[in-house]
Amino acid sequence: MKDLTTTDELTREDIAALILTAKKKMGLGWSGIAEAIGMSPVWTHSAALGMNAMPADKAEALVSLLGLPEEAITVLMESPTKIWEQTVPTDPCIYRLYEIVGVYGPTIKALIHEEFGDGIMSAIDFDMQISRVPSEKGDRVKLEMSGKYLGFNSW
């Protein structure tokens, strides 16, 4: 196993492991970490795992908060290559999100086209909140996603 106590060419994966270890040792939650660096919990978690590039001030704040090596700042600021290791994940929570897209994806697409025209919802100019909604049948998970509409161009 790679020695993560040295700063010789730390990778995005190394930094994610250091973040998760520090988070656990410090007893922090994603909401607390996000509040400390001035971002949302969704974005903070995604960036911490390497799926978004952090602005310098956010990377510096995270490194300071968690006591990470200074080299982590530049790694956290790098533009990511967004790849997934599995075609369809087997984790039940993540799989259900794939199921939602599989079942409702064509409906979502049709309704976006009907409301906005031929285009897509951006996942770059995008935000998301996750909240708990009490219910007599059992608490519900509420996902709110908002992405900029990007119309397709004709030329």
C-alpha atoms as a PDB file:
ATOM      1  CA  MET A   1       0.000   0.000   0.000  1.00  0.00           C
ATOM      2  CA  LYS A   2       1.230   3.485  -0.827  1.00  0.00           C
ATOM      3  CA  ASP A   3       2.571   5.553   2.082  1.00  0.00           C
ATOM      4  CA  LEU A   4       0.189   8.527   2.240  1.00  0.00           C
ATOM      5  CA  THR A   5       2.280  10.323   4.863  1.00  0.00           C
ATOM      6  CA  THR A   6       4.742  11.442   2.202  1.00  0.00           C
ATOM      7  CA  THR A   7       3.835  13.999  -0.442  1.00  0.00           C
ATOM      8  CA  ASP A   8       5.555  12.295  -3.374  1.00  0.00           C
ATOM      9  CA  GLU A   9       3.118  12.667  -6.269  1.00  0.00           C
ATOM     10  CA  LEU A  10      -0.153  12.292  -4.416  1.00  0.00           C
ATOM     11  CA  THR A  11      -2.991  11.356  -6.755  1.00  0.00           C
ATOM     12  CA  ARG A  12      -6.618  12.409  -6.672  1.00  0.00           C
ATOM     13  CA  GLU A  13      -7.415   8.980  -5.194  1.00  0.00           C
ATOM     14  CA  ASP A  14      -4.745   9.452  -2.499  1.00  0.00           C
ATOM     15  CA  ILE A  15      -6.218  12.832  -1.545  1.00  0.00           C
ATOM     16  CA  ALA A  16      -9.734  11.369  -1.373  1.00  0.00           C
ATOM     17  CA  ALA A  17      -8.453   8.650   0.971  1.00  0.00           C
ATOM     18  CA  LEU A  18      -6.726  11.252   3.155  1.00  0.00           C
ATOM     19  CA  ILE A  19      -9.908  13.350   3.273  1.00  0.00           C
ATOM     20  CA  LEU A  20     -12.052  10.380   4.277  1.00  0.00           C
ATOM     21  CA  THR A  21      -9.563   9.331   6.956  1.00  0.00           C
ATOM     22  CA  ALA A  22      -9.310  12.858   8.408  1.00  0.00           C
ATOM     23  CA  LYS A  23     -13.108  13.265   8.318  1.00  0.00           C
ATOM     24  CA  LYS A  24     -13.542  10.046  10.283  1.00  0.00           C
ATOM     25  CA  LYS A  25     -10.764  10.809  12.795  1.00  0.00           C
ATOM     26  CA  MET A  26     -12.152  14.290  13.424  1.00  0.00           C
ATOM     27  CA  GLY A  27     -15.739  13.052  13.699  1.00  0.00           C
ATOM     28  CA  LEU A  28     -16.930  15.492  11.045  1.00  0.00           C
ATOM     29  CA  GLY A  29     -19.913  15.187   8.733  1.00  0.00           C
ATOM     30  CA  TRP A  30     -20.142  16.490   5.184  1.00  0.00           C
ATOM     31  CA  SER A  31     -22.494  19.286   6.248  1.00  0.00           C
ATOM     32  CA  GLY A  32     -19.961  20.543   8.790  1.00  0.00           C
ATOM     33  CA  ILE A  33     -17.072  20.333   6.349  1.00  0.00           C
ATOM     34  CA  ALA A  34     -19.128  22.115   3.673  1.00  0.00           C
ATOM     35  CA  GLU A  35     -20.118  24.880   6.070  1.00  0.00           C
ATOM     36  CA  ALA A  36     -16.489  25.354   7.112  1.00  0.00           C
ATOM     37  CA  ILE A  37     -15.357  25.896   3.507  1.00  0.00           C
ATOM     38  CA  GLY A  38     -18.473  27.827   2.414  1.00  0.00           C
ATOM     39  CA  MET A  39     -19.934  25.314  -0.041  1.00  0.00           C
ATOM     40  CA  SER A  40     -22.860  22.871  -0.217  1.00  0.00           C
ATOM     41  CA  PRO A  41     -22.498  19.332   1.191  1.00  0.00           C
ATOM     42  CA  VAL A  42     -23.275  17.789  -2.216  1.00  0.00           C
ATOM     43  CA  TRP A  43     -20.586  19.765  -4.039  1.00  0.00           C
ATOM     44  CA  THR A  44     -18.073  19.354  -1.210  1.00  0.00           C
ATOM     45  CA  HIS A  45     -18.403  15.559  -1.167  1.00  0.00           C
ATOM     46  CA  SER A  46     -18.201  15.327  -4.957  1.00  0.00           C
ATOM     47  CA  ALA A  47     -15.116  17.554  -5.083  1.00  0.00           C
ATOM     48  CA  ALA A  48     -13.488  15.704  -2.183  1.00  0.00           C
ATOM     49  CA  LEU A  49     -13.846  12.461  -4.125  1.00  0.00           C
ATOM     50  CA  GLY A  50     -12.338  14.041  -7.233  1.00  0.00           C
ATOM     51  CA  MET A  51     -15.384  14.689  -9.419  1.00  0.00           C
ATOM     52  CA  ASN A  52     -15.103  18.512  -9.350  1.00  0.00           C
ATOM     53  CA  ALA A  53     -12.161  20.917  -9.327  1.00  0.00           C
ATOM     54  CA  MET A  54     -11.993  23.139  -6.260  1.00  0.00           C
ATOM     55  CA  PRO A  55     -11.267  26.856  -6.493  1.00  0.00           C
ATOM     56  CA  ALA A  56      -7.999  27.710  -4.720  1.00  0.00           C
ATOM     57  CA  ASP A  57      -9.644  29.267  -1.663  1.00  0.00           C
ATOM     58  CA  LYS A  58     -11.902  26.220  -1.114  1.00  0.00           C
ATOM     59  CA  ALA A  59      -9.007  23.775  -1.564  1.00  0.00           C
ATOM     60  CA  GLU A  60      -6.888  25.779   0.890  1.00  0.00           C
ATOM     61  CA  ALA A  61      -9.745  25.883   3.410  1.00  0.00           C
ATOM     62  CA  LEU A  62     -10.311  22.119   3.162  1.00  0.00           C
ATOM     63  CA  VAL A  63      -6.609  21.307   3.487  1.00  0.00           C
ATOM     64  CA  SER A  64      -6.345  23.593   6.525  1.00  0.00           C
ATOM     65  CA  LEU A  65      -9.492  22.210   8.159  1.00  0.00           C
ATOM     66  CA  LEU A  66      -8.465  18.567   7.751  1.00  0.00           C
ATOM     67  CA  GLY A  67      -4.704  19.019   8.268  1.00  0.00           C
ATOM     68  CA  LEU A  68      -3.832  17.612   4.841  1.00  0.00           C
ATOM     69  CA  PRO A  69      -0.449  17.994   3.115  1.00  0.00           C
ATOM     70  CA  GLU A  70      -0.062  21.299   1.224  1.00  0.00           C
ATOM     71  CA  GLU A  71       0.372  19.348  -2.046  1.00  0.00           C
ATOM     72  CA  ALA A  72      -3.292  18.398  -1.756  1.00  0.00           C
ATOM     73  CA  ILE A  73      -4.278  21.965  -2.696  1.00  0.00           C
ATOM     74  CA  THR A  74      -2.986  21.681  -6.253  1.00  0.00           C
ATOM     75  CA  VAL A  75      -4.442  18.199  -6.672  1.00  0.00           C
ATOM     76  CA  LEU A  76      -7.869  19.388  -5.473  1.00  0.00           C
ATOM     77  CA  MET A  77      -7.693  22.266  -7.986  1.00  0.00           C
ATOM     78  CA  GLU A  78      -6.987  20.020 -10.996  1.00  0.00           C
ATOM     79  CA  SER A  79      -9.724  19.541 -13.570  1.00  0.00           C
ATOM     80  CA  PRO A  80     -11.031  16.006 -13.151  1.00  0.00           C
ATOM     81  CA  THR A  81     -11.568  13.293 -15.697  1.00  0.00           C
ATOM     82  CA  LYS A  82     -14.982  11.982 -14.729  1.00  0.00           C
ATOM     83  CA  ILE A  83     -15.024   8.229 -15.111  1.00  0.00           C
ATOM     84  CA  TRP A  84     -16.989   5.468 -13.502  1.00  0.00           C
ATOM     85  CA  GLU A  85     -15.546   2.043 -12.759  1.00  0.00           C
ATOM     86  CA  GLN A  86     -18.766   0.052 -13.201  1.00  0.00           C
ATOM     87  CA  THR A  87     -21.333  -0.002 -15.974  1.00  0.00           C
ATOM     88  CA  VAL A  88     -24.161  -0.338 -13.457  1.00  0.00           C
ATOM     89  CA  PRO A  89     -23.110  -0.025  -9.804  1.00  0.00           C
ATOM     90  CA  THR A  90     -24.143  -2.751  -7.404  1.00  0.00           C
ATOM     91  CA  ASP A  91     -24.417  -0.501  -4.335  1.00  0.00           C
ATOM     92  CA  PRO A  92     -28.187  -0.449  -3.639  1.00  0.00           C
ATOM     93  CA  CYS A  93     -28.444   3.319  -3.106  1.00  0.00           C
ATOM     94  CA  ILE A  94     -26.488   4.197  -6.247  1.00  0.00           C
ATOM     95  CA  TYR A  95     -28.211   1.461  -8.247  1.00  0.00           C
ATOM     96  CA  ARG A  96     -31.620   2.986  -7.388  1.00  0.00           C
ATOM     97  CA  LEU A  97     -30.533   6.258  -8.956  1.00  0.00           C
ATOM     98  CA  TYR A  98     -29.655   4.355 -12.135  1.00  0.00           C
ATOM     99  CA  GLU A  99     -33.046   2.667 -11.905  1.00  0.00           C
ATOM    100  CA  ILE A 100     -34.771   6.058 -11.662  1.00  0.00           C
ATOM    101  CA  VAL A 101     -32.987   7.251 -14.798  1.00  0.00           C
ATOM    102  CA  GLY A 102     -33.721   3.952 -16.551  1.00  0.00           C
ATOM    103  CA  VAL A 103     -37.426   4.114 -15.741  1.00  0.00           C
ATOM    104  CA  TYR A 104     -38.010   7.881 -15.866  1.00  0.00           C
ATOM    105  CA  GLY A 105     -35.162   9.092 -18.100  1.00  0.00           C
ATOM    106  CA  PRO A 106     -37.232   9.119 -21.305  1.00  0.00           C
ATOM    107  CA  THR A 107     -40.056  10.885 -19.432  1.00  0.00           C
ATOM    108  CA  ILE A 108     -37.707  13.509 -17.996  1.00  0.00           C
ATOM    109  CA  LYS A 109     -36.217  14.066 -21.459  1.00  0.00           C
ATOM    110  CA  ALA A 110     -39.646  14.371 -23.102  1.00  0.00           C
ATOM    111  CA  LEU A 111     -40.865  16.860 -20.514  1.00  0.00           C
ATOM    112  CA  ILE A 112     -37.679  18.958 -20.771  1.00  0.00           C
ATOM    113  CA  HIS A 113     -38.101  19.075 -24.553  1.00  0.00           C
ATOM    114  CA  GLU A 114     -41.782  19.935 -24.250  1.00  0.00           C
ATOM    115  CA  GLU A 115     -41.115  22.751 -21.787  1.00  0.00           C
ATOM    116  CA  PHE A 116     -37.826  24.141 -23.156  1.00  0.00           C
ATOM    117  CA  GLY A 117     -37.282  22.783 -26.665  1.00  0.00           C
ATOM    118  CA  ASP A 118     -34.538  20.575 -28.080  1.00  0.00           C
ATOM    119  CA  GLY A 119     -31.750  20.593 -25.491  1.00  0.00           C
ATOM    120  CA  ILE A 120     -30.446  19.214 -22.226  1.00  0.00           C
ATOM    121  CA  MET A 121     -30.061  20.038 -18.556  1.00  0.00           C
ATOM    122  CA  SER A 122     -26.488  20.935 -17.694  1.00  0.00           C
ATOM    123  CA  ALA A 123     -24.611  18.873 -15.136  1.00  0.00           C
ATOM    124  CA  ILE A 124     -21.896  21.550 -15.105  1.00  0.00           C
ATOM    125  CA  ASP A 125     -23.988  24.628 -14.297  1.00  0.00           C
ATOM    126  CA  PHE A 126     -25.870  22.542 -11.757  1.00  0.00           C
ATOM    127  CA  ASP A 127     -26.785  22.334  -8.112  1.00  0.00           C
ATOM    128  CA  MET A 128     -28.459  19.747  -5.918  1.00  0.00           C
ATOM    129  CA  GLN A 129     -29.818  19.535  -2.401  1.00  0.00           C
ATOM    130  CA  ILE A 130     -30.678  16.402  -0.422  1.00  0.00           C
ATOM    131  CA  SER A 131     -33.113  16.614   2.467  1.00  0.00           C
ATOM    132  CA  ARG A 132     -35.259  14.461   4.744  1.00  0.00           C
ATOM    133  CA  VAL A 133     -39.038  14.807   4.519  1.00  0.00           C
ATOM    134  CA  PRO A 134     -40.991  13.300   7.423  1.00  0.00           C
ATOM    135  CA  SER A 135     -43.842  11.000   6.357  1.00  0.00           C
ATOM    136  CA  GLU A 136     -46.291   8.748   8.181  1.00  0.00           C
ATOM    137  CA  LYS A 137     -45.224   5.895   5.883  1.00  0.00           C
ATOM    138  CA  GLY A 138     -41.552   6.427   6.718  1.00  0.00           C
ATOM    139  CA  ASP A 139     -39.246   9.359   6.093  1.00  0.00           C
ATOM    140  CA  ARG A 140     -38.589  10.215   2.469  1.00  0.00           C
ATOM    141  CA  VAL A 141     -35.428  11.290   0.686  1.00  0.00           C
ATOM    142  CA  LYS A 142     -35.926  14.465  -1.333  1.00  0.00           C
ATOM    143  CA  LEU A 143     -33.483  15.151  -4.165  1.00  0.00           C
ATOM    144  CA  GLU A 144     -33.719  18.583  -5.759  1.00  0.00           C
ATOM    145  CA  MET A 145     -31.665  19.063  -8.910  1.00  0.00           C
ATOM    146  CA  SER A 146     -31.367  22.270 -10.867  1.00  0.00           C
ATOM    147  CA  GLY A 147     -29.328  22.548 -14.043  1.00  0.00           C
ATOM    148  CA  LYS A 148     -29.076  25.283 -16.625  1.00  0.00           C
ATOM    149  CA  TYR A 149     -30.990  24.547 -19.821  1.00  0.00           C
ATOM    150  CA  LEU A 150     -28.665  24.172 -22.812  1.00  0.00           C
ATOM    151  CA  GLY A 151     -30.403  24.288 -26.162  1.00  0.00           C
ATOM    152  CA  PHE A 152     -28.919  22.412 -29.103  1.00  0.00           C
ATOM    153  CA  ASN A 153     -27.651  24.611 -31.920  1.00  0.00           C
ATOM    154  CA  SER A 154     -28.372  24.174 -35.593  1.00  0.00           C
ATOM    155  CA  TRP A 155     -25.799  25.302 -38.169  1.00  0.00           C
END
